[in-house]
N, C-alpha and C. Protein backbone atom coordinates (compact mmCIF):
# COMPACT_ATOMS: atom_id res chain seq x y z
N UNK A 1 0.85 -1.16 0.00
CA UNK A 1 0.00 0.00 0.00
C UNK A 1 0.90 1.23 0.00
N UNK A 2 0.59 2.17 -0.87
CA UNK A 2 1.34 3.42 -0.91
C UNK A 2 0.52 4.49 -0.20
N UNK A 3 1.04 4.98 0.90
CA UNK A 3 0.35 6.00 1.68
C UNK A 3 0.64 7.39 1.14
N UNK A 4 -0.26 8.31 1.47
CA UNK A 4 -0.01 9.72 1.21
C UNK A 4 -0.29 10.19 -0.21
N UNK A 5 -0.98 9.40 -1.02
CA UNK A 5 -1.30 9.82 -2.37
C UNK A 5 -2.76 10.27 -2.44
N UNK A 6 -2.99 11.33 -3.16
CA UNK A 6 -4.35 11.81 -3.42
C UNK A 6 -4.81 11.22 -4.74
N UNK A 7 -5.99 10.62 -4.76
CA UNK A 7 -6.50 9.98 -5.97
C UNK A 7 -7.54 10.90 -6.62
N UNK A 8 -7.35 11.17 -7.91
CA UNK A 8 -8.19 12.09 -8.67
C UNK A 8 -8.82 11.37 -9.85
N UNK A 9 -9.96 11.89 -10.31
CA UNK A 9 -10.58 11.39 -11.53
C UNK A 9 -11.89 10.67 -11.27
N UNK A 10 -12.63 10.42 -12.36
CA UNK A 10 -13.96 9.81 -12.27
C UNK A 10 -13.95 8.29 -12.37
N UNK A 11 -12.91 7.71 -12.88
CA UNK A 11 -12.90 6.26 -13.03
C UNK A 11 -13.00 5.61 -11.66
N UNK A 12 -13.74 4.52 -11.56
CA UNK A 12 -13.95 3.87 -10.25
C UNK A 12 -12.72 3.11 -9.77
N UNK A 13 -12.09 2.39 -10.68
CA UNK A 13 -10.91 1.62 -10.30
C UNK A 13 -10.10 1.29 -11.54
N UNK A 14 -8.86 0.95 -11.31
CA UNK A 14 -7.97 0.55 -12.40
C UNK A 14 -6.94 -0.44 -11.85
N UNK A 15 -6.49 -1.33 -12.70
CA UNK A 15 -5.44 -2.28 -12.34
C UNK A 15 -4.66 -2.60 -13.59
N UNK A 16 -3.39 -2.85 -13.42
CA UNK A 16 -2.57 -3.23 -14.56
C UNK A 16 -1.11 -3.29 -14.21
N UNK A 17 -0.32 -3.79 -15.15
CA UNK A 17 1.13 -3.83 -14.94
C UNK A 17 1.69 -2.40 -14.94
N UNK A 18 2.75 -2.23 -14.19
CA UNK A 18 3.36 -0.92 -14.01
C UNK A 18 4.50 -0.71 -15.00
N UNK A 19 4.53 0.46 -15.61
CA UNK A 19 5.70 0.95 -16.34
C UNK A 19 6.26 2.10 -15.51
N UNK A 20 7.56 2.10 -15.27
CA UNK A 20 8.15 3.07 -14.36
C UNK A 20 9.02 4.09 -15.09
N UNK A 21 9.09 5.28 -14.50
CA UNK A 21 9.97 6.35 -14.98
C UNK A 21 10.56 7.04 -13.75
N UNK A 22 11.85 7.23 -13.76
CA UNK A 22 12.54 7.96 -12.69
C UNK A 22 12.89 9.35 -13.20
N UNK A 23 12.64 10.36 -12.37
CA UNK A 23 12.91 11.74 -12.74
C UNK A 23 13.96 12.35 -11.83
N UNK A 24 14.58 13.39 -12.33
CA UNK A 24 15.37 14.30 -11.50
C UNK A 24 14.55 15.57 -11.40
N UNK A 25 14.53 16.18 -10.23
CA UNK A 25 13.68 17.34 -10.00
C UNK A 25 14.46 18.41 -9.25
N UNK A 26 14.32 19.64 -9.70
CA UNK A 26 14.88 20.81 -9.02
C UNK A 26 13.76 21.81 -8.80
N UNK A 27 13.72 22.43 -7.66
CA UNK A 27 12.68 23.42 -7.41
C UNK A 27 12.90 24.71 -8.19
N UNK A 28 14.15 25.00 -8.51
CA UNK A 28 14.49 26.17 -9.33
C UNK A 28 14.82 25.66 -10.73
N UNK A 29 14.26 26.26 -11.79
CA UNK A 29 14.52 25.76 -13.14
C UNK A 29 16.01 25.69 -13.45
N UNK A 30 16.45 24.51 -13.95
CA UNK A 30 17.85 24.38 -14.36
C UNK A 30 18.03 23.46 -15.56
N UNK A 31 16.95 22.75 -15.96
CA UNK A 31 17.05 21.83 -17.08
C UNK A 31 16.48 22.47 -18.34
N UNK A 32 16.96 22.04 -19.51
CA UNK A 32 16.30 22.49 -20.74
C UNK A 32 14.84 22.06 -20.73
N UNK A 33 13.95 22.94 -21.14
CA UNK A 33 12.51 22.66 -21.12
C UNK A 33 12.18 21.38 -21.87
N UNK A 34 12.90 21.08 -22.95
CA UNK A 34 12.65 19.88 -23.74
C UNK A 34 12.86 18.58 -22.99
N UNK A 35 13.56 18.62 -21.87
CA UNK A 35 13.79 17.40 -21.09
C UNK A 35 12.60 17.05 -20.20
N UNK A 36 11.63 17.98 -20.13
CA UNK A 36 10.37 17.70 -19.46
C UNK A 36 9.46 17.06 -20.51
N UNK A 37 9.61 15.76 -20.67
CA UNK A 37 9.03 15.04 -21.81
C UNK A 37 7.84 14.17 -21.42
N UNK A 38 6.89 14.74 -20.69
CA UNK A 38 5.76 13.93 -20.25
C UNK A 38 4.99 13.37 -21.43
N UNK A 39 4.87 14.15 -22.50
CA UNK A 39 4.17 13.65 -23.69
C UNK A 39 4.85 12.41 -24.26
N UNK A 40 6.16 12.44 -24.33
CA UNK A 40 6.91 11.28 -24.84
C UNK A 40 6.73 10.08 -23.90
N UNK A 41 6.76 10.31 -22.59
CA UNK A 41 6.58 9.21 -21.64
C UNK A 41 5.22 8.55 -21.83
N UNK A 42 4.20 9.35 -22.09
CA UNK A 42 2.86 8.82 -22.34
C UNK A 42 2.83 8.05 -23.65
N UNK A 43 3.43 8.60 -24.69
CA UNK A 43 3.40 7.97 -26.02
C UNK A 43 4.09 6.62 -26.05
N UNK A 44 5.09 6.39 -25.22
CA UNK A 44 5.80 5.10 -25.24
C UNK A 44 5.29 4.12 -24.19
N UNK A 45 4.24 4.51 -23.47
CA UNK A 45 3.64 3.62 -22.48
C UNK A 45 2.59 2.74 -23.17
N UNK A 46 2.65 1.45 -22.90
CA UNK A 46 1.73 0.50 -23.50
C UNK A 46 0.30 0.70 -23.00
N UNK A 47 -0.68 0.60 -23.88
CA UNK A 47 -2.07 0.66 -23.44
C UNK A 47 -2.34 -0.42 -22.38
N UNK A 48 -3.20 -0.09 -21.42
CA UNK A 48 -3.56 -1.04 -20.37
C UNK A 48 -2.62 -1.05 -19.19
N UNK A 49 -1.52 -0.32 -19.28
CA UNK A 49 -0.58 -0.31 -18.16
C UNK A 49 -0.82 0.93 -17.29
N UNK A 50 -0.16 0.93 -16.16
CA UNK A 50 -0.20 2.06 -15.24
C UNK A 50 1.17 2.72 -15.27
N UNK A 51 1.17 3.99 -15.62
CA UNK A 51 2.42 4.75 -15.69
C UNK A 51 2.74 5.30 -14.31
N UNK A 52 3.89 4.91 -13.78
CA UNK A 52 4.31 5.33 -12.45
C UNK A 52 5.57 6.18 -12.58
N UNK A 53 5.46 7.43 -12.15
CA UNK A 53 6.58 8.37 -12.26
C UNK A 53 7.08 8.70 -10.86
N UNK A 54 8.38 8.49 -10.65
CA UNK A 54 9.00 8.84 -9.38
C UNK A 54 9.72 10.17 -9.55
N UNK A 55 9.06 11.22 -9.06
CA UNK A 55 9.65 12.56 -9.07
C UNK A 55 10.17 12.90 -7.68
N UNK A 56 10.61 11.88 -6.98
CA UNK A 56 11.29 11.99 -5.70
C UNK A 56 10.45 12.68 -4.63
N UNK A 57 9.14 12.69 -4.82
CA UNK A 57 8.25 13.27 -3.84
C UNK A 57 8.22 14.78 -3.79
N UNK A 58 8.86 15.41 -4.76
CA UNK A 58 8.95 16.88 -4.73
C UNK A 58 7.67 17.53 -5.28
N UNK A 59 7.28 18.66 -4.70
CA UNK A 59 6.03 19.33 -5.08
C UNK A 59 6.17 20.17 -6.36
N UNK A 60 6.46 19.48 -7.45
CA UNK A 60 6.57 20.10 -8.77
C UNK A 60 5.65 19.32 -9.69
N UNK A 61 4.89 20.01 -10.54
CA UNK A 61 3.90 19.34 -11.37
C UNK A 61 4.52 18.56 -12.52
N UNK A 62 4.21 17.27 -12.54
CA UNK A 62 4.60 16.36 -13.62
C UNK A 62 3.48 16.17 -14.62
N UNK A 63 2.26 16.51 -14.25
CA UNK A 63 1.09 16.03 -14.97
C UNK A 63 -0.05 17.01 -14.78
N UNK A 64 -0.89 17.16 -15.80
CA UNK A 64 -2.06 18.01 -15.71
C UNK A 64 -3.18 17.49 -16.58
N UNK A 65 -4.10 18.37 -16.91
CA UNK A 65 -5.26 17.99 -17.70
C UNK A 65 -4.89 17.50 -19.09
N UNK A 66 -3.95 18.16 -19.75
CA UNK A 66 -3.56 17.72 -21.10
C UNK A 66 -2.91 16.34 -21.08
N UNK A 67 -2.04 16.11 -20.10
CA UNK A 67 -1.41 14.78 -19.98
C UNK A 67 -2.47 13.71 -19.70
N UNK A 68 -3.47 14.05 -18.89
CA UNK A 68 -4.54 13.09 -18.59
C UNK A 68 -5.28 12.73 -19.87
N UNK A 69 -5.63 13.73 -20.66
CA UNK A 69 -6.35 13.45 -21.91
C UNK A 69 -5.49 12.62 -22.87
N UNK A 70 -4.20 12.91 -22.93
CA UNK A 70 -3.29 12.13 -23.79
C UNK A 70 -3.20 10.68 -23.30
N UNK A 71 -3.12 10.49 -21.98
CA UNK A 71 -3.04 9.14 -21.41
C UNK A 71 -4.33 8.36 -21.69
N UNK A 72 -5.46 9.03 -21.59
CA UNK A 72 -6.73 8.38 -21.89
C UNK A 72 -6.77 7.96 -23.36
N UNK A 73 -6.34 8.85 -24.24
CA UNK A 73 -6.31 8.54 -25.66
C UNK A 73 -5.38 7.39 -25.99
N UNK A 74 -4.33 7.24 -25.23
CA UNK A 74 -3.36 6.16 -25.43
C UNK A 74 -3.86 4.84 -24.84
N UNK A 75 -4.88 4.91 -23.98
CA UNK A 75 -5.40 3.70 -23.34
C UNK A 75 -4.65 3.31 -22.09
N UNK A 76 -3.93 4.24 -21.48
CA UNK A 76 -3.23 3.97 -20.23
C UNK A 76 -4.27 3.80 -19.13
N UNK A 77 -4.09 2.79 -18.29
CA UNK A 77 -5.09 2.45 -17.27
C UNK A 77 -5.18 3.51 -16.18
N UNK A 78 -4.04 4.07 -15.76
CA UNK A 78 -4.01 5.06 -14.68
C UNK A 78 -2.60 5.62 -14.58
N UNK A 79 -2.45 6.64 -13.76
CA UNK A 79 -1.14 7.22 -13.49
C UNK A 79 -0.90 7.33 -12.00
N UNK A 80 0.35 7.13 -11.60
CA UNK A 80 0.75 7.29 -10.20
C UNK A 80 2.00 8.15 -10.21
N UNK A 81 1.95 9.26 -9.48
CA UNK A 81 3.05 10.22 -9.48
C UNK A 81 3.53 10.45 -8.05
N UNK A 82 4.78 10.11 -7.79
CA UNK A 82 5.37 10.52 -6.51
C UNK A 82 6.01 11.88 -6.77
N UNK A 83 5.14 12.87 -6.77
CA UNK A 83 5.48 14.24 -7.09
C UNK A 83 4.18 15.00 -7.23
N UNK A 84 4.20 16.07 -8.02
CA UNK A 84 3.03 16.92 -8.10
C UNK A 84 2.25 16.80 -9.40
N UNK A 85 0.98 17.20 -9.31
CA UNK A 85 0.09 17.31 -10.47
C UNK A 85 -0.70 18.61 -10.34
N UNK A 86 -1.29 19.03 -11.43
CA UNK A 86 -2.11 20.23 -11.41
C UNK A 86 -3.37 20.02 -12.23
N UNK A 87 -4.16 21.06 -12.42
CA UNK A 87 -5.42 20.98 -13.17
C UNK A 87 -6.40 20.01 -12.52
N UNK A 88 -6.46 20.02 -11.22
CA UNK A 88 -7.29 19.09 -10.46
C UNK A 88 -8.76 19.16 -10.86
N UNK A 89 -9.28 20.37 -11.03
CA UNK A 89 -10.70 20.50 -11.37
C UNK A 89 -11.00 19.80 -12.69
N UNK A 90 -10.11 19.92 -13.66
CA UNK A 90 -10.31 19.26 -14.95
C UNK A 90 -10.17 17.75 -14.82
N UNK A 91 -9.13 17.29 -14.15
CA UNK A 91 -8.89 15.85 -14.00
C UNK A 91 -10.05 15.18 -13.28
N UNK A 92 -10.63 15.86 -12.31
CA UNK A 92 -11.75 15.28 -11.56
C UNK A 92 -12.97 15.03 -12.44
N UNK A 93 -13.07 15.67 -13.59
CA UNK A 93 -14.22 15.45 -14.48
C UNK A 93 -13.97 14.35 -15.51
N UNK A 94 -12.75 13.81 -15.57
CA UNK A 94 -12.38 12.86 -16.62
C UNK A 94 -12.43 11.42 -16.13
N UNK A 95 -12.68 10.51 -17.06
CA UNK A 95 -12.79 9.08 -16.77
C UNK A 95 -11.37 8.48 -16.74
N UNK A 96 -10.66 8.80 -15.66
CA UNK A 96 -9.27 8.38 -15.49
C UNK A 96 -9.00 8.36 -13.99
N UNK A 97 -7.98 7.65 -13.56
CA UNK A 97 -7.52 7.70 -12.18
C UNK A 97 -6.06 8.13 -12.16
N UNK A 98 -5.80 9.12 -11.34
CA UNK A 98 -4.45 9.66 -11.19
C UNK A 98 -4.19 9.82 -9.70
N UNK A 99 -3.14 9.19 -9.20
CA UNK A 99 -2.76 9.30 -7.81
C UNK A 99 -1.48 10.11 -7.73
N UNK A 100 -1.43 11.07 -6.83
CA UNK A 100 -0.26 11.94 -6.73
C UNK A 100 0.04 12.31 -5.29
N UNK A 101 1.30 12.58 -5.03
CA UNK A 101 1.71 12.99 -3.69
C UNK A 101 1.36 14.44 -3.41
N UNK A 102 1.34 15.29 -4.44
CA UNK A 102 1.09 16.72 -4.25
C UNK A 102 0.19 17.26 -5.35
N UNK A 103 -0.58 18.26 -5.01
CA UNK A 103 -1.29 19.07 -5.99
C UNK A 103 -0.64 20.44 -5.92
N UNK A 104 -0.16 20.93 -7.06
CA UNK A 104 0.60 22.18 -7.08
C UNK A 104 0.52 22.85 -8.44
N UNK A 105 0.53 24.17 -8.48
CA UNK A 105 0.59 24.85 -9.77
C UNK A 105 2.02 25.01 -10.29
N UNK A 106 3.02 24.61 -9.52
CA UNK A 106 4.42 24.80 -9.91
C UNK A 106 4.77 23.91 -11.10
N UNK A 107 5.02 24.51 -12.25
CA UNK A 107 5.28 23.75 -13.48
C UNK A 107 6.58 22.95 -13.41
N UNK A 108 6.56 21.83 -14.11
CA UNK A 108 7.75 21.00 -14.23
C UNK A 108 8.70 21.47 -15.32
N UNK A 109 8.25 22.38 -16.17
CA UNK A 109 9.09 22.86 -17.27
C UNK A 109 10.35 23.50 -16.71
N UNK A 110 11.49 22.95 -17.08
CA UNK A 110 12.77 23.44 -16.59
C UNK A 110 13.15 22.88 -15.22
N UNK A 111 12.21 22.23 -14.56
CA UNK A 111 12.46 21.70 -13.21
C UNK A 111 12.56 20.18 -13.18
N UNK A 112 12.03 19.53 -14.21
CA UNK A 112 11.99 18.06 -14.22
C UNK A 112 12.62 17.56 -15.51
N UNK A 113 13.38 16.49 -15.36
CA UNK A 113 13.80 15.73 -16.53
C UNK A 113 13.70 14.26 -16.18
N UNK A 114 13.19 13.51 -17.13
CA UNK A 114 13.01 12.08 -16.93
C UNK A 114 14.30 11.40 -17.35
N UNK A 115 14.88 10.63 -16.42
CA UNK A 115 16.23 10.12 -16.64
C UNK A 115 16.32 8.62 -16.85
N UNK A 116 15.31 7.86 -16.39
CA UNK A 116 15.42 6.41 -16.56
C UNK A 116 14.04 5.79 -16.70
N UNK A 117 13.86 5.11 -17.79
CA UNK A 117 12.64 4.34 -18.05
C UNK A 117 12.89 2.91 -17.57
N UNK A 118 11.85 2.23 -17.10
CA UNK A 118 11.96 0.85 -16.61
C UNK A 118 12.91 0.76 -15.42
N UNK A 119 12.89 1.79 -14.58
CA UNK A 119 13.73 1.82 -13.39
C UNK A 119 13.05 1.05 -12.26
N UNK A 120 13.85 0.42 -11.42
CA UNK A 120 13.32 -0.12 -10.17
C UNK A 120 13.22 1.05 -9.21
N UNK A 121 12.05 1.22 -8.61
CA UNK A 121 11.80 2.36 -7.73
C UNK A 121 11.70 1.89 -6.28
N UNK A 122 12.10 2.74 -5.38
CA UNK A 122 11.96 2.47 -3.95
C UNK A 122 11.18 3.63 -3.34
N UNK A 123 9.93 3.36 -2.96
CA UNK A 123 9.06 4.37 -2.34
C UNK A 123 8.86 3.95 -0.90
N UNK A 124 9.66 4.50 -0.01
CA UNK A 124 9.60 4.08 1.39
C UNK A 124 10.01 2.62 1.48
N UNK A 125 9.15 1.81 2.07
CA UNK A 125 9.43 0.37 2.21
C UNK A 125 9.03 -0.44 0.98
N UNK A 126 8.47 0.22 -0.01
CA UNK A 126 7.95 -0.50 -1.17
C UNK A 126 8.94 -0.44 -2.32
N UNK A 127 9.32 -1.61 -2.79
CA UNK A 127 10.19 -1.74 -3.96
C UNK A 127 9.29 -2.05 -5.14
N UNK A 128 9.40 -1.26 -6.20
CA UNK A 128 8.54 -1.40 -7.37
C UNK A 128 9.40 -1.73 -8.57
N UNK A 129 9.10 -2.86 -9.17
CA UNK A 129 9.84 -3.34 -10.33
C UNK A 129 8.91 -3.26 -11.54
N UNK A 130 9.40 -2.78 -12.69
CA UNK A 130 8.54 -2.77 -13.87
C UNK A 130 7.92 -4.15 -14.08
N UNK A 131 6.63 -4.16 -14.34
CA UNK A 131 5.90 -5.42 -14.49
C UNK A 131 5.13 -5.81 -13.25
N UNK A 132 5.48 -5.23 -12.07
CA UNK A 132 4.63 -5.40 -10.90
C UNK A 132 3.27 -4.82 -11.26
N UNK A 133 2.27 -5.08 -10.46
CA UNK A 133 0.92 -4.59 -10.73
C UNK A 133 0.51 -3.57 -9.69
N UNK A 134 -0.30 -2.61 -10.12
CA UNK A 134 -0.92 -1.65 -9.21
C UNK A 134 -2.42 -1.76 -9.34
N UNK A 135 -3.09 -1.61 -8.22
CA UNK A 135 -4.55 -1.52 -8.17
C UNK A 135 -4.86 -0.18 -7.52
N UNK A 136 -5.75 0.57 -8.17
CA UNK A 136 -6.08 1.91 -7.69
C UNK A 136 -7.60 2.06 -7.66
N UNK A 137 -8.08 2.63 -6.57
CA UNK A 137 -9.46 3.11 -6.54
C UNK A 137 -9.44 4.40 -5.73
N UNK A 138 -10.61 4.95 -5.46
CA UNK A 138 -10.66 6.23 -4.76
C UNK A 138 -10.11 6.14 -3.33
N UNK A 139 -9.96 4.93 -2.81
CA UNK A 139 -9.41 4.75 -1.48
C UNK A 139 -7.90 4.84 -1.47
N UNK A 140 -7.24 4.38 -2.53
CA UNK A 140 -5.79 4.42 -2.55
C UNK A 140 -5.17 3.49 -3.57
N UNK A 141 -3.88 3.21 -3.35
CA UNK A 141 -3.05 2.46 -4.29
C UNK A 141 -2.38 1.29 -3.58
N UNK A 142 -2.45 0.12 -4.21
CA UNK A 142 -1.75 -1.07 -3.73
C UNK A 142 -0.87 -1.57 -4.86
N UNK A 143 0.35 -1.96 -4.53
CA UNK A 143 1.29 -2.52 -5.51
C UNK A 143 1.56 -3.97 -5.13
N UNK A 144 1.51 -4.84 -6.14
CA UNK A 144 1.76 -6.27 -5.94
C UNK A 144 2.89 -6.75 -6.84
N UNK A 145 3.77 -7.59 -6.31
CA UNK A 145 4.75 -8.23 -7.19
C UNK A 145 4.02 -9.06 -8.25
N UNK A 146 4.55 -9.09 -9.44
CA UNK A 146 3.89 -9.76 -10.57
C UNK A 146 3.57 -11.22 -10.27
N UNK A 147 4.42 -11.89 -9.50
CA UNK A 147 4.22 -13.33 -9.29
C UNK A 147 3.07 -13.68 -8.34
N UNK A 148 2.46 -12.71 -7.67
CA UNK A 148 1.34 -13.01 -6.77
C UNK A 148 0.00 -12.47 -7.27
N UNK A 149 -0.01 -11.84 -8.43
CA UNK A 149 -1.22 -11.18 -8.93
C UNK A 149 -2.37 -12.18 -9.10
N UNK A 150 -2.11 -13.34 -9.67
CA UNK A 150 -3.16 -14.33 -9.89
C UNK A 150 -3.81 -14.79 -8.60
N UNK A 151 -3.01 -15.09 -7.61
CA UNK A 151 -3.53 -15.54 -6.31
C UNK A 151 -4.32 -14.43 -5.63
N UNK A 152 -3.81 -13.21 -5.67
CA UNK A 152 -4.52 -12.09 -5.04
C UNK A 152 -5.84 -11.84 -5.77
N UNK A 153 -5.86 -11.94 -7.09
CA UNK A 153 -7.11 -11.75 -7.85
C UNK A 153 -8.13 -12.82 -7.48
N UNK A 154 -7.68 -14.06 -7.33
CA UNK A 154 -8.58 -15.14 -6.93
C UNK A 154 -9.18 -14.86 -5.56
N UNK A 155 -8.34 -14.48 -4.62
CA UNK A 155 -8.80 -14.20 -3.25
C UNK A 155 -9.73 -12.98 -3.22
N UNK A 156 -9.41 -11.96 -4.00
CA UNK A 156 -10.27 -10.77 -4.06
C UNK A 156 -11.66 -11.12 -4.60
N UNK A 157 -11.73 -12.00 -5.59
CA UNK A 157 -13.03 -12.42 -6.13
C UNK A 157 -13.84 -13.16 -5.06
N UNK A 158 -13.18 -14.01 -4.28
CA UNK A 158 -13.86 -14.70 -3.18
C UNK A 158 -14.39 -13.70 -2.16
N UNK A 159 -13.58 -12.72 -1.82
CA UNK A 159 -13.99 -11.72 -0.83
C UNK A 159 -15.14 -10.86 -1.35
N UNK A 160 -15.09 -10.53 -2.63
CA UNK A 160 -16.18 -9.73 -3.20
C UNK A 160 -17.50 -10.52 -3.19
N UNK A 161 -17.44 -11.81 -3.50
CA UNK A 161 -18.65 -12.64 -3.45
C UNK A 161 -19.18 -12.71 -2.02
N UNK A 162 -18.29 -12.84 -1.04
CA UNK A 162 -18.69 -12.86 0.36
C UNK A 162 -19.34 -11.53 0.75
N UNK A 163 -18.75 -10.42 0.32
CA UNK A 163 -19.33 -9.11 0.62
C UNK A 163 -20.71 -8.95 0.00
N UNK A 164 -20.89 -9.48 -1.22
CA UNK A 164 -22.21 -9.40 -1.86
C UNK A 164 -23.26 -10.17 -1.05
N UNK A 165 -22.90 -11.35 -0.54
CA UNK A 165 -23.82 -12.11 0.31
C UNK A 165 -24.12 -11.32 1.58
N UNK A 166 -23.10 -10.72 2.17
CA UNK A 166 -23.24 -9.91 3.37
C UNK A 166 -24.24 -8.77 3.13
N UNK A 167 -24.07 -8.06 2.00
CA UNK A 167 -24.96 -6.94 1.66
C UNK A 167 -26.40 -7.43 1.51
N UNK A 168 -26.59 -8.55 0.81
CA UNK A 168 -27.95 -9.08 0.63
C UNK A 168 -28.61 -9.36 1.98
N UNK A 169 -27.85 -9.96 2.90
CA UNK A 169 -28.41 -10.24 4.22
C UNK A 169 -28.75 -8.96 4.97
N UNK A 170 -27.88 -7.96 4.90
CA UNK A 170 -28.18 -6.67 5.54
C UNK A 170 -29.41 -6.04 4.92
N UNK A 171 -29.51 -6.10 3.58
CA UNK A 171 -30.68 -5.53 2.89
C UNK A 171 -31.97 -6.26 3.25
N UNK A 172 -31.86 -7.53 3.64
CA UNK A 172 -33.03 -8.29 4.07
C UNK A 172 -33.41 -8.01 5.52
N UNK A 173 -32.63 -7.16 6.19
CA UNK A 173 -32.96 -6.76 7.55
C UNK A 173 -32.18 -7.47 8.64
N UNK A 174 -31.28 -8.36 8.28
CA UNK A 174 -30.48 -9.04 9.28
C UNK A 174 -29.50 -8.05 9.91
N UNK A 175 -29.22 -8.17 11.18
CA UNK A 175 -28.26 -7.30 11.85
C UNK A 175 -26.83 -7.60 11.38
N UNK A 176 -25.96 -6.64 11.60
CA UNK A 176 -24.57 -6.76 11.14
C UNK A 176 -23.90 -8.03 11.67
N UNK A 177 -23.96 -8.25 12.99
CA UNK A 177 -23.27 -9.41 13.57
C UNK A 177 -23.86 -10.73 13.09
N UNK A 178 -25.17 -10.81 12.96
CA UNK A 178 -25.79 -12.04 12.45
C UNK A 178 -25.38 -12.30 11.01
N UNK A 179 -25.38 -11.25 10.20
CA UNK A 179 -24.95 -11.39 8.80
C UNK A 179 -23.50 -11.80 8.71
N UNK A 180 -22.66 -11.19 9.54
CA UNK A 180 -21.23 -11.50 9.54
C UNK A 180 -21.01 -12.97 9.88
N UNK A 181 -21.72 -13.47 10.87
CA UNK A 181 -21.56 -14.88 11.26
C UNK A 181 -22.02 -15.81 10.14
N UNK A 182 -23.15 -15.51 9.54
CA UNK A 182 -23.67 -16.38 8.47
C UNK A 182 -22.71 -16.46 7.29
N UNK A 183 -22.11 -15.35 6.96
CA UNK A 183 -21.21 -15.30 5.81
C UNK A 183 -19.82 -15.82 6.19
N UNK A 184 -19.50 -15.77 7.47
CA UNK A 184 -18.15 -16.16 7.90
C UNK A 184 -17.15 -15.06 7.57
N UNK A 185 -17.62 -13.85 7.64
CA UNK A 185 -16.81 -12.68 7.28
C UNK A 185 -15.94 -12.27 8.47
N UNK A 186 -14.71 -12.07 8.26
CA UNK A 186 -13.68 -11.72 9.25
C UNK A 186 -14.07 -12.22 10.57
């Protein structure tokens, strides 16, 4: 689980393999503007994947409304930014999910350059390897190693079926504890 990210957008949930990008970030402009290549990063990301950008947690915008629209057009499942994003009001109206550490108007132009594609990332205690999977909903972001995705998906389907039975019992007027016991929930 990645803590401290704000999730934006209208899409209910997204899951997919992760493509990673590592950035260098300066709060004062020092890079050529052309090295802020978010459009290129989106264009080379495979449809159905989740683009994860590590901007070292700095409050500089990597992404905005135009990048969101480009990612949607490319078929990218979602975006995760350990850094900043902007255009929140616009992104909130779009059928996309974007998780970010910061919301800021501070542009990345001249402040960000993307230095490594397919990088192994370390976000706190979480090691993220390209090909790992991310699941995102309005509650937050979970990252799974690629080799456990099938088992976790199977278990999640079982839990969802159990929750559906629980809801039906509650809707029929059964009390919470009685419904929980019948379903065998936690």
